[in-house]
Amino acid sequence: MLILNNSQSEIIIKGSFILDNISLYTRLYIQQLFEERQQTFYKMELEFQKLKVYIEKYFKNRLNLILPLIEKVITEINNLKLINILIIKEGNCRVCNTELKIIDTRLENEKDRYIVCCSNCTKEIINGLRELENQIKVWLI
């Protein structure tokens, strides 16, 4: 539930949008060929640059906690950028060759109904995003 009368809501929403964009990219790169996912990783890095500016503006008192979390996720992205497995089993992640999971959201909109995810190579990024959500207090809104 969105609590608009919280004085921090607008600030938190801005950060939440950046984190959501990064999360969405994790659902893309797992299905992309090597060259295409390099562009997705680049877009993720751009989102992290926006996040750093956002953190420096609104969370100066927690820079020492938040910046290492960001760097940890960027390091993981840089590691994933190097992976280029040439033979991938049908239905597996194009990065790590782990079986992809398809989650039915039960939404009526066919485009948003199914979410494809990898439980392996996205784990560190998703965990990092959760830690960042806690630091910018996304749970407050």
C-alpha atoms as a PDB file:
ATOM      1  CA  MET A   1       0.000   0.000   0.000  1.00  0.00           C
ATOM      2  CA  LEU A   2       1.354   3.380  -0.990  1.00  0.00           C
ATOM      3  CA  ILE A   3       1.310   5.887   1.877  1.00  0.00           C
ATOM      4  CA  LEU A   4       1.423   9.282   0.207  1.00  0.00           C
ATOM      5  CA  ASN A   5       1.324  11.336   3.404  1.00  0.00           C
ATOM      6  CA  ASN A   6       4.726   9.998   4.436  1.00  0.00           C
ATOM      7  CA  SER A   7       7.182  12.869   3.955  1.00  0.00           C
ATOM      8  CA  GLN A   8       9.709  10.459   2.427  1.00  0.00           C
ATOM      9  CA  SER A   9       7.323   8.895  -0.122  1.00  0.00           C
ATOM     10  CA  GLU A  10       8.444  10.862  -3.163  1.00  0.00           C
ATOM     11  CA  ILE A  11      12.112  10.249  -2.398  1.00  0.00           C
ATOM     12  CA  ILE A  12      11.560   6.542  -1.787  1.00  0.00           C
ATOM     13  CA  ILE A  13       9.464   6.144  -4.942  1.00  0.00           C
ATOM     14  CA  LYS A  14      12.301   7.592  -7.046  1.00  0.00           C
ATOM     15  CA  GLY A  15      14.725   5.026  -5.659  1.00  0.00           C
ATOM     16  CA  SER A  16      12.196   2.250  -6.014  1.00  0.00           C
ATOM     17  CA  PHE A  17      11.791   2.978  -9.735  1.00  0.00           C
ATOM     18  CA  ILE A  18      15.544   2.724 -10.295  1.00  0.00           C
ATOM     19  CA  LEU A  19      15.720  -0.592  -8.429  1.00  0.00           C
ATOM     20  CA  ASP A  20      12.680  -1.907 -10.348  1.00  0.00           C
ATOM     21  CA  ASN A  21      14.353  -1.082 -13.660  1.00  0.00           C
ATOM     22  CA  ILE A  22      17.436  -3.053 -12.656  1.00  0.00           C
ATOM     23  CA  SER A  23      15.261  -5.954 -11.534  1.00  0.00           C
ATOM     24  CA  LEU A  24      13.441  -5.970 -14.878  1.00  0.00           C
ATOM     25  CA  TYR A  25      16.761  -6.216 -16.701  1.00  0.00           C
ATOM     26  CA  THR A  26      17.537  -9.438 -14.797  1.00  0.00           C
ATOM     27  CA  ARG A  27      14.532 -10.997 -16.537  1.00  0.00           C
ATOM     28  CA  LEU A  28      15.845  -9.909 -19.920  1.00  0.00           C
ATOM     29  CA  TYR A  29      19.500 -10.877 -19.915  1.00  0.00           C
ATOM     30  CA  ILE A  30      18.768 -14.492 -18.989  1.00  0.00           C
ATOM     31  CA  GLN A  31      17.052 -14.933 -22.372  1.00  0.00           C
ATOM     32  CA  GLN A  32      19.470 -12.934 -24.527  1.00  0.00           C
ATOM     33  CA  LEU A  33      22.434 -13.962 -26.633  1.00  0.00           C
ATOM     34  CA  PHE A  34      25.870 -12.794 -25.533  1.00  0.00           C
ATOM     35  CA  GLU A  35      26.043  -9.641 -27.688  1.00  0.00           C
ATOM     36  CA  GLU A  36      22.524  -8.523 -26.851  1.00  0.00           C
ATOM     37  CA  ARG A  37      22.923  -8.990 -23.115  1.00  0.00           C
ATOM     38  CA  GLN A  38      26.042  -6.827 -23.149  1.00  0.00           C
ATOM     39  CA  GLN A  39      23.707  -3.942 -23.972  1.00  0.00           C
ATOM     40  CA  THR A  40      21.385  -4.956 -21.144  1.00  0.00           C
ATOM     41  CA  PHE A  41      24.301  -5.077 -18.701  1.00  0.00           C
ATOM     42  CA  TYR A  42      25.330  -1.620 -19.920  1.00  0.00           C
ATOM     43  CA  LYS A  43      21.794  -0.335 -19.235  1.00  0.00           C
ATOM     44  CA  MET A  44      21.976  -1.854 -15.761  1.00  0.00           C
ATOM     45  CA  GLU A  45      25.243  -0.016 -15.149  1.00  0.00           C
ATOM     46  CA  LEU A  46      23.564   3.242 -16.229  1.00  0.00           C
ATOM     47  CA  GLU A  47      20.782   2.594 -13.714  1.00  0.00           C
ATOM     48  CA  PHE A  48      23.405   2.078 -11.013  1.00  0.00           C
ATOM     49  CA  GLN A  49      24.982   5.402 -11.963  1.00  0.00           C
ATOM     50  CA  LYS A  50      21.550   7.029 -11.463  1.00  0.00           C
ATOM     51  CA  LEU A  51      21.223   5.170  -8.170  1.00  0.00           C
ATOM     52  CA  LYS A  52      24.580   6.511  -6.952  1.00  0.00           C
ATOM     53  CA  VAL A  53      23.519  10.089  -7.734  1.00  0.00           C
ATOM     54  CA  TYR A  54      20.205   9.453  -5.966  1.00  0.00           C
ATOM     55  CA  ILE A  55      21.950   7.965  -2.899  1.00  0.00           C
ATOM     56  CA  GLU A  56      24.432  10.835  -2.709  1.00  0.00           C
ATOM     57  CA  LYS A  57      21.550  13.307  -2.807  1.00  0.00           C
ATOM     58  CA  TYR A  58      19.103  11.690  -0.395  1.00  0.00           C
ATOM     59  CA  PHE A  59      21.066   9.257   1.771  1.00  0.00           C
ATOM     60  CA  LYS A  60      24.400  10.964   2.472  1.00  0.00           C
ATOM     61  CA  ASN A  61      24.348   9.700   6.040  1.00  0.00           C
ATOM     62  CA  ARG A  62      24.343   6.080   4.787  1.00  0.00           C
ATOM     63  CA  LEU A  63      26.797   6.313   1.891  1.00  0.00           C
ATOM     64  CA  ASN A  64      29.252   4.053   3.708  1.00  0.00           C
ATOM     65  CA  LEU A  65      26.570   1.329   3.940  1.00  0.00           C
ATOM     66  CA  ILE A  66      24.940   1.712   0.532  1.00  0.00           C
ATOM     67  CA  LEU A  67      27.865   2.290  -1.856  1.00  0.00           C
ATOM     68  CA  PRO A  68      29.540  -1.060  -1.016  1.00  0.00           C
ATOM     69  CA  LEU A  69      26.222  -2.813  -1.756  1.00  0.00           C
ATOM     70  CA  ILE A  70      26.068  -1.100  -5.135  1.00  0.00           C
ATOM     71  CA  GLU A  71      29.683  -2.018  -5.900  1.00  0.00           C
ATOM     72  CA  LYS A  72      29.012  -5.637  -4.930  1.00  0.00           C
ATOM     73  CA  VAL A  73      26.173  -5.886  -7.460  1.00  0.00           C
ATOM     74  CA  ILE A  74      28.175  -4.096 -10.166  1.00  0.00           C
ATOM     75  CA  THR A  75      30.998  -6.593  -9.600  1.00  0.00           C
ATOM     76  CA  GLU A  76      28.533  -9.440 -10.105  1.00  0.00           C
ATOM     77  CA  ILE A  77      27.282  -7.843 -13.325  1.00  0.00           C
ATOM     78  CA  ASN A  78      30.877  -7.520 -14.544  1.00  0.00           C
ATOM     79  CA  ASN A  79      31.439 -11.204 -13.794  1.00  0.00           C
ATOM     80  CA  LEU A  80      28.285 -12.182 -15.691  1.00  0.00           C
ATOM     81  CA  LYS A  81      29.346 -10.069 -18.675  1.00  0.00           C
ATOM     82  CA  LEU A  82      32.272 -12.414 -19.240  1.00  0.00           C
ATOM     83  CA  ILE A  83      30.234 -15.620 -19.419  1.00  0.00           C
ATOM     84  CA  ASN A  84      29.611 -16.909 -22.926  1.00  0.00           C
ATOM     85  CA  ILE A  85      28.473 -20.531 -22.858  1.00  0.00           C
ATOM     86  CA  LEU A  86      28.143 -21.620 -26.473  1.00  0.00           C
ATOM     87  CA  ILE A  87      25.843 -24.621 -26.058  1.00  0.00           C
ATOM     88  CA  ILE A  88      22.707 -23.925 -24.033  1.00  0.00           C
ATOM     89  CA  LYS A  89      20.019 -26.502 -23.377  1.00  0.00           C
ATOM     90  CA  GLU A  90      16.568 -25.464 -24.645  1.00  0.00           C
ATOM     91  CA  GLY A  91      14.630 -23.673 -21.879  1.00  0.00           C
ATOM     92  CA  ASN A  92      17.741 -22.817 -19.892  1.00  0.00           C
ATOM     93  CA  CYS A  93      19.303 -19.505 -18.948  1.00  0.00           C
ATOM     94  CA  ARG A  94      21.517 -18.164 -21.731  1.00  0.00           C
ATOM     95  CA  VAL A  95      24.099 -17.001 -19.198  1.00  0.00           C
ATOM     96  CA  CYS A  96      24.555 -19.946 -16.832  1.00  0.00           C
ATOM     97  CA  ASN A  97      22.602 -22.780 -18.523  1.00  0.00           C
ATOM     98  CA  THR A  98      20.380 -23.289 -15.447  1.00  0.00           C
ATOM     99  CA  GLU A  99      16.781 -24.310 -16.078  1.00  0.00           C
ATOM    100  CA  LEU A 100      14.566 -21.236 -16.261  1.00  0.00           C
ATOM    101  CA  LYS A 101      11.472 -21.002 -14.101  1.00  0.00           C
ATOM    102  CA  ILE A 102       8.226 -19.626 -15.446  1.00  0.00           C
ATOM    103  CA  ILE A 103       5.951 -18.015 -12.885  1.00  0.00           C
ATOM    104  CA  ASP A 104       2.290 -17.461 -13.683  1.00  0.00           C
ATOM    105  CA  THR A 105       1.286 -14.127 -12.151  1.00  0.00           C
ATOM    106  CA  ARG A 106      -2.379 -14.774 -12.975  1.00  0.00           C
ATOM    107  CA  LEU A 107      -2.631 -11.276 -14.456  1.00  0.00           C
ATOM    108  CA  GLU A 108      -5.122 -10.948 -17.269  1.00  0.00           C
ATOM    109  CA  ASN A 109      -2.715  -8.966 -19.427  1.00  0.00           C
ATOM    110  CA  GLU A 110      -0.971 -11.662 -21.482  1.00  0.00           C
ATOM    111  CA  LYS A 111       2.212  -9.576 -21.768  1.00  0.00           C
ATOM    112  CA  ASP A 112       2.644  -9.429 -17.980  1.00  0.00           C
ATOM    113  CA  ARG A 113       1.136 -12.781 -17.109  1.00  0.00           C
ATOM    114  CA  TYR A 114       4.311 -14.876 -17.095  1.00  0.00           C
ATOM    115  CA  ILE A 115       7.629 -14.033 -15.504  1.00  0.00           C
ATOM    116  CA  VAL A 116      10.687 -15.974 -16.596  1.00  0.00           C
ATOM    117  CA  CYS A 117      13.503 -16.113 -14.072  1.00  0.00           C
ATOM    118  CA  CYS A 118      16.793 -17.841 -13.351  1.00  0.00           C
ATOM    119  CA  SER A 119      17.419 -19.006  -9.808  1.00  0.00           C
ATOM    120  CA  ASN A 120      21.178 -19.074 -10.283  1.00  0.00           C
ATOM    121  CA  CYS A 121      22.903 -16.183 -12.059  1.00  0.00           C
ATOM    122  CA  THR A 122      20.425 -13.529 -10.925  1.00  0.00           C
ATOM    123  CA  LYS A 123      20.635 -14.518  -7.247  1.00  0.00           C
ATOM    124  CA  GLU A 124      23.423 -12.131  -6.203  1.00  0.00           C
ATOM    125  CA  ILE A 125      21.854  -9.221  -8.073  1.00  0.00           C
ATOM    126  CA  ILE A 126      18.381  -9.825  -6.643  1.00  0.00           C
ATOM    127  CA  ASN A 127      19.779 -10.225  -3.118  1.00  0.00           C
ATOM    128  CA  GLY A 128      21.736  -7.004  -3.566  1.00  0.00           C
ATOM    129  CA  LEU A 129      18.622  -5.177  -4.749  1.00  0.00           C
ATOM    130  CA  ARG A 130      16.742  -6.394  -1.667  1.00  0.00           C
ATOM    131  CA  GLU A 131      19.489  -5.065   0.580  1.00  0.00           C
ATOM    132  CA  LEU A 132      19.375  -1.753  -1.262  1.00  0.00           C
ATOM    133  CA  GLU A 133      15.580  -1.617  -0.873  1.00  0.00           C
ATOM    134  CA  ASN A 134      16.043  -2.005   2.869  1.00  0.00           C
ATOM    135  CA  GLN A 135      18.625   0.779   2.951  1.00  0.00           C
ATOM    136  CA  ILE A 136      16.418   3.241   1.086  1.00  0.00           C
ATOM    137  CA  LYS A 137      13.395   2.112   3.095  1.00  0.00           C
ATOM    138  CA  VAL A 138      11.155   1.051   0.216  1.00  0.00           C
ATOM    139  CA  TRP A 139       9.056  -0.797   2.794  1.00  0.00           C
ATOM    140  CA  LEU A 140       7.944   2.566   4.272  1.00  0.00           C
ATOM    141  CA  ILE A 141       5.575   3.336   1.404  1.00  0.00           C
END
